[in-house]
Amino acid sequence: MSFRLGLTGSIGMGKSTTAGFFADAGCAVWDADAAVHRLYAPGGAAVAPMRARFPAAIENAAVSRDRLREIIASDPDALRAIEAIVHPLVRADRADFAAANPDRVVVFDIPLLFETGCESEMDAVACVTIPAELQRERVLARGTMSAEDLDRILARQMPNEEKCARADFVIVTDTLEHAQAQVQKVMTEIERRRHA
């Protein structure tokens, strides 16, 4: 019997690194961002419906995230339309992955897990967290976005405190060693639940 663990957390909180620790512990890990990349790539399931609705978003037979950002910036209703296309495809991809791993602990790395209601599909949820100052420092150190970009992203996400309060497990990612030790504790508890 598989066990579905939702893994979430705001940008810069260490979710990808933590997902790697779960993979090292023998879990099958599904990544929502990677699924969207597959759907947007040439031949991906999102290309045709996106071309029909937003022809300007297609570039080199793929969905361009940059073009989508421009479309969303100029049309307030575009995001809802894009989500209506993409979310069901992502859900199907997630279901296929779960079906392919029937007897394992499956970790679903979903940044907007609570925002999209995916927690109802999970047996438990783990949320990664660090103090807001460290989060800001980490994200801005990447050099890929401005402080304003970060603020815009955070404004669209559920507050970190609320995510942590709703999660079954909270993993503090202040150091790699601390995060890895907490992943091991979560795995011990999951195994206990699976065999209870």
Protein backbone atom coordinates (compact mmCIF):
# COMPACT_ATOMS: atom_id res chain seq x y z
CA MET A 1 0.00 0.00 0.00
CA SER A 2 1.49 3.35 -0.96
CA PHE A 3 1.62 6.35 1.32
CA ARG A 4 1.14 9.79 -0.24
CA LEU A 5 3.08 12.59 1.39
CA GLY A 6 2.51 16.12 0.14
CA LEU A 7 5.62 18.29 0.42
CA THR A 8 5.10 22.03 0.30
CA GLY A 9 6.59 25.33 1.36
CA SER A 10 7.08 28.83 0.02
CA ILE A 11 9.80 29.86 -2.40
CA GLY A 12 13.36 29.64 -1.06
CA MET A 13 12.41 27.45 1.92
CA GLY A 14 14.48 24.44 0.80
CA LYS A 15 11.74 22.25 -0.65
CA SER A 16 13.80 20.84 -3.56
CA THR A 17 16.69 19.94 -1.26
CA THR A 18 14.27 18.30 1.17
CA ALA A 19 12.64 16.37 -1.69
CA GLY A 20 16.12 15.09 -2.50
CA PHE A 21 16.51 13.80 1.07
CA PHE A 22 13.20 11.93 0.72
CA ALA A 23 14.44 10.43 -2.57
CA ASP A 24 17.66 9.36 -0.81
CA ALA A 25 15.47 7.67 1.83
CA GLY A 26 13.88 5.52 -0.90
CA CYS A 27 10.76 7.54 -1.71
CA ALA A 28 9.40 8.05 -5.20
CA VAL A 29 9.33 11.85 -5.71
CA TRP A 30 6.97 13.65 -8.09
CA ASP A 31 7.77 17.30 -8.81
CA ALA A 32 4.92 19.63 -9.83
CA ASP A 33 7.26 22.11 -11.56
CA ALA A 34 8.91 19.32 -13.56
CA ALA A 35 5.46 18.03 -14.56
CA VAL A 36 4.51 21.49 -15.89
CA HIS A 37 7.80 21.62 -17.85
CA ARG A 38 6.93 18.25 -19.46
CA LEU A 39 3.42 19.45 -20.31
CA TYR A 40 4.80 22.68 -21.85
CA ALA A 41 7.60 21.00 -23.85
CA PRO A 42 7.19 20.22 -27.59
CA GLY A 43 4.64 17.42 -27.85
CA GLY A 44 3.49 18.02 -24.25
CA ALA A 45 -0.20 17.65 -23.42
CA ALA A 46 -0.64 21.38 -22.67
CA VAL A 47 0.69 22.66 -26.01
CA ALA A 48 -2.41 22.08 -28.18
CA PRO A 49 -5.03 23.44 -25.73
CA MET A 50 -2.77 26.40 -24.92
CA ARG A 51 -2.24 27.12 -28.63
CA ALA A 52 -6.02 27.12 -29.11
CA ARG A 53 -6.60 29.58 -26.25
CA PHE A 54 -3.37 31.63 -26.23
CA PRO A 55 -1.63 31.31 -29.63
CA ALA A 56 0.89 34.00 -28.63
CA ALA A 57 2.16 31.75 -25.83
CA ILE A 58 3.60 29.18 -28.26
CA GLU A 59 7.24 29.47 -29.27
CA ASN A 60 9.24 26.73 -31.05
CA ALA A 61 6.34 24.27 -30.68
CA ALA A 62 6.38 24.68 -26.89
CA VAL A 63 4.55 26.84 -24.34
CA SER A 64 6.77 29.79 -23.42
CA ARG A 65 6.64 30.68 -19.72
CA ASP A 66 7.95 34.18 -20.56
CA ARG A 67 5.11 34.71 -23.04
CA LEU A 68 2.61 33.42 -20.47
CA ARG A 69 3.92 35.94 -17.93
CA GLU A 70 3.40 38.74 -20.47
CA ILE A 71 -0.13 37.52 -21.22
CA ILE A 72 -1.00 37.31 -17.51
CA ALA A 73 0.40 40.81 -16.92
CA SER A 74 -1.81 42.28 -19.64
CA ASP A 75 -4.99 40.23 -19.04
CA PRO A 76 -6.29 39.75 -15.48
CA ASP A 77 -8.48 36.80 -16.54
CA ALA A 78 -5.67 34.92 -18.30
CA LEU A 79 -4.30 33.21 -15.19
CA ARG A 80 -7.65 31.55 -14.44
CA ALA A 81 -7.91 30.34 -18.05
CA ILE A 82 -4.34 28.99 -17.98
CA GLU A 83 -4.97 27.19 -14.69
CA ALA A 84 -8.17 25.67 -16.12
CA ILE A 85 -6.05 24.11 -18.88
CA VAL A 86 -3.00 23.12 -16.85
CA HIS A 87 -4.35 21.96 -13.47
CA PRO A 88 -6.32 18.95 -14.81
CA LEU A 89 -3.28 17.86 -16.87
CA VAL A 90 -1.02 18.15 -13.83
CA ARG A 91 -3.54 16.19 -11.75
CA ALA A 92 -3.57 13.40 -14.38
CA ASP A 93 0.25 13.33 -14.45
CA ARG A 94 0.28 13.06 -10.65
CA ALA A 95 -2.27 10.20 -10.70
CA ASP A 96 -0.22 8.32 -13.33
CA PHE A 97 2.90 8.66 -11.17
CA ALA A 98 1.08 7.38 -8.07
CA ALA A 99 -0.32 4.42 -10.04
CA ALA A 100 3.20 3.55 -11.24
CA ASN A 101 4.45 3.42 -7.62
CA PRO A 102 1.77 1.39 -5.80
CA ASP A 103 3.81 0.04 -2.89
CA ARG A 104 6.05 2.96 -2.02
CA VAL A 105 6.08 6.16 -0.02
CA VAL A 106 5.35 8.70 -2.75
CA VAL A 107 6.32 12.31 -2.11
CA PHE A 108 4.45 14.95 -4.10
CA ASP A 109 6.53 18.15 -4.26
CA ILE A 110 3.79 20.78 -4.78
CA PRO A 111 4.58 24.44 -4.01
CA LEU A 112 0.89 25.47 -4.06
CA LEU A 113 -0.44 22.31 -2.39
CA PHE A 114 -2.84 24.06 0.00
CA GLU A 115 -3.73 26.82 -2.48
CA THR A 116 -4.89 24.22 -5.04
CA GLY A 117 -6.66 21.93 -2.53
CA CYS A 118 -4.30 18.99 -3.16
CA GLU A 119 -3.95 18.20 0.53
CA SER A 120 -7.21 16.22 0.30
CA GLU A 121 -5.39 13.69 -1.94
CA MET A 122 -2.58 13.14 0.57
CA ASP A 123 -2.18 10.81 3.55
CA ALA A 124 -0.08 13.51 5.26
CA VAL A 125 1.56 16.85 4.46
CA ALA A 126 5.08 18.08 5.31
CA CYS A 127 5.88 21.78 5.11
CA VAL A 128 9.43 23.15 4.90
CA THR A 129 10.17 26.40 6.67
CA ILE A 130 12.84 28.90 7.68
CA PRO A 131 12.59 32.43 9.11
CA ALA A 132 11.40 35.05 6.59
CA GLU A 133 14.73 36.94 6.64
CA LEU A 134 16.67 33.80 5.68
CA GLN A 135 14.10 32.99 2.98
CA ARG A 136 14.52 36.47 1.45
CA GLU A 137 18.31 36.20 1.67
CA ARG A 138 18.32 32.79 -0.08
CA VAL A 139 15.98 33.81 -2.89
CA LEU A 140 17.70 37.12 -3.66
CA ALA A 141 21.15 35.45 -3.54
CA ARG A 142 20.11 33.34 -6.56
CA GLY A 143 20.14 36.52 -8.64
CA THR A 144 17.10 35.43 -10.67
CA MET A 145 14.56 37.89 -9.27
CA SER A 146 14.22 41.26 -7.62
CA ALA A 147 12.83 41.94 -4.15
CA GLU A 148 9.65 43.20 -5.88
CA ASP A 149 9.31 39.92 -7.83
CA LEU A 150 9.65 37.98 -4.58
CA ASP A 151 7.04 40.13 -2.85
CA ARG A 152 4.61 39.53 -5.74
CA ILE A 153 5.10 35.76 -5.51
CA LEU A 154 4.67 35.75 -1.72
CA ALA A 155 1.48 37.82 -2.02
CA ARG A 156 -0.07 35.04 -4.15
CA GLN A 157 0.90 32.27 -1.71
CA MET A 158 -0.66 31.25 1.56
CA PRO A 159 1.36 32.71 4.47
CA ASN A 160 4.12 30.42 5.72
CA GLU A 161 2.68 30.33 9.25
CA GLU A 162 -0.66 29.06 7.94
CA LYS A 163 0.99 26.36 5.83
CA CYS A 164 2.98 25.16 8.83
CA ALA A 165 -0.14 25.15 11.02
CA ARG A 166 -2.03 23.02 8.49
CA ALA A 167 0.80 20.52 7.90
CA ASP A 168 1.22 17.20 9.72
CA PHE A 169 5.00 17.61 9.74
CA VAL A 170 7.12 20.79 9.79
CA ILE A 171 10.71 20.52 8.56
CA VAL A 172 13.04 23.39 9.45
CA THR A 173 15.68 23.71 6.70
CA ASP A 174 18.11 26.05 8.44
CA THR A 175 20.98 23.56 7.84
CA LEU A 176 21.28 20.51 5.61
CA GLU A 177 22.01 18.25 8.58
CA HIS A 178 18.98 19.48 10.52
CA ALA A 179 16.68 19.04 7.49
CA GLN A 180 18.00 15.54 6.78
CA ALA A 181 17.54 14.46 10.41
CA GLN A 182 13.93 15.67 10.35
CA VAL A 183 13.27 13.81 7.08
CA GLN A 184 14.45 10.62 8.80
CA LYS A 185 12.03 11.30 11.70
CA VAL A 186 9.17 11.83 9.23
CA MET A 187 10.05 8.57 7.46
CA THR A 188 10.07 6.69 10.78
CA GLU A 189 6.60 8.04 11.59
CA ILE A 190 5.29 7.21 8.09
CA GLU A 191 6.56 3.63 8.38
CA ARG A 192 4.89 3.37 11.79
CA ARG A 193 1.57 4.55 10.27
CA ARG A 194 1.87 2.25 7.26
CA HIS A 195 2.32 -0.80 9.45
CA ALA A 196 -0.05 0.16 12.28
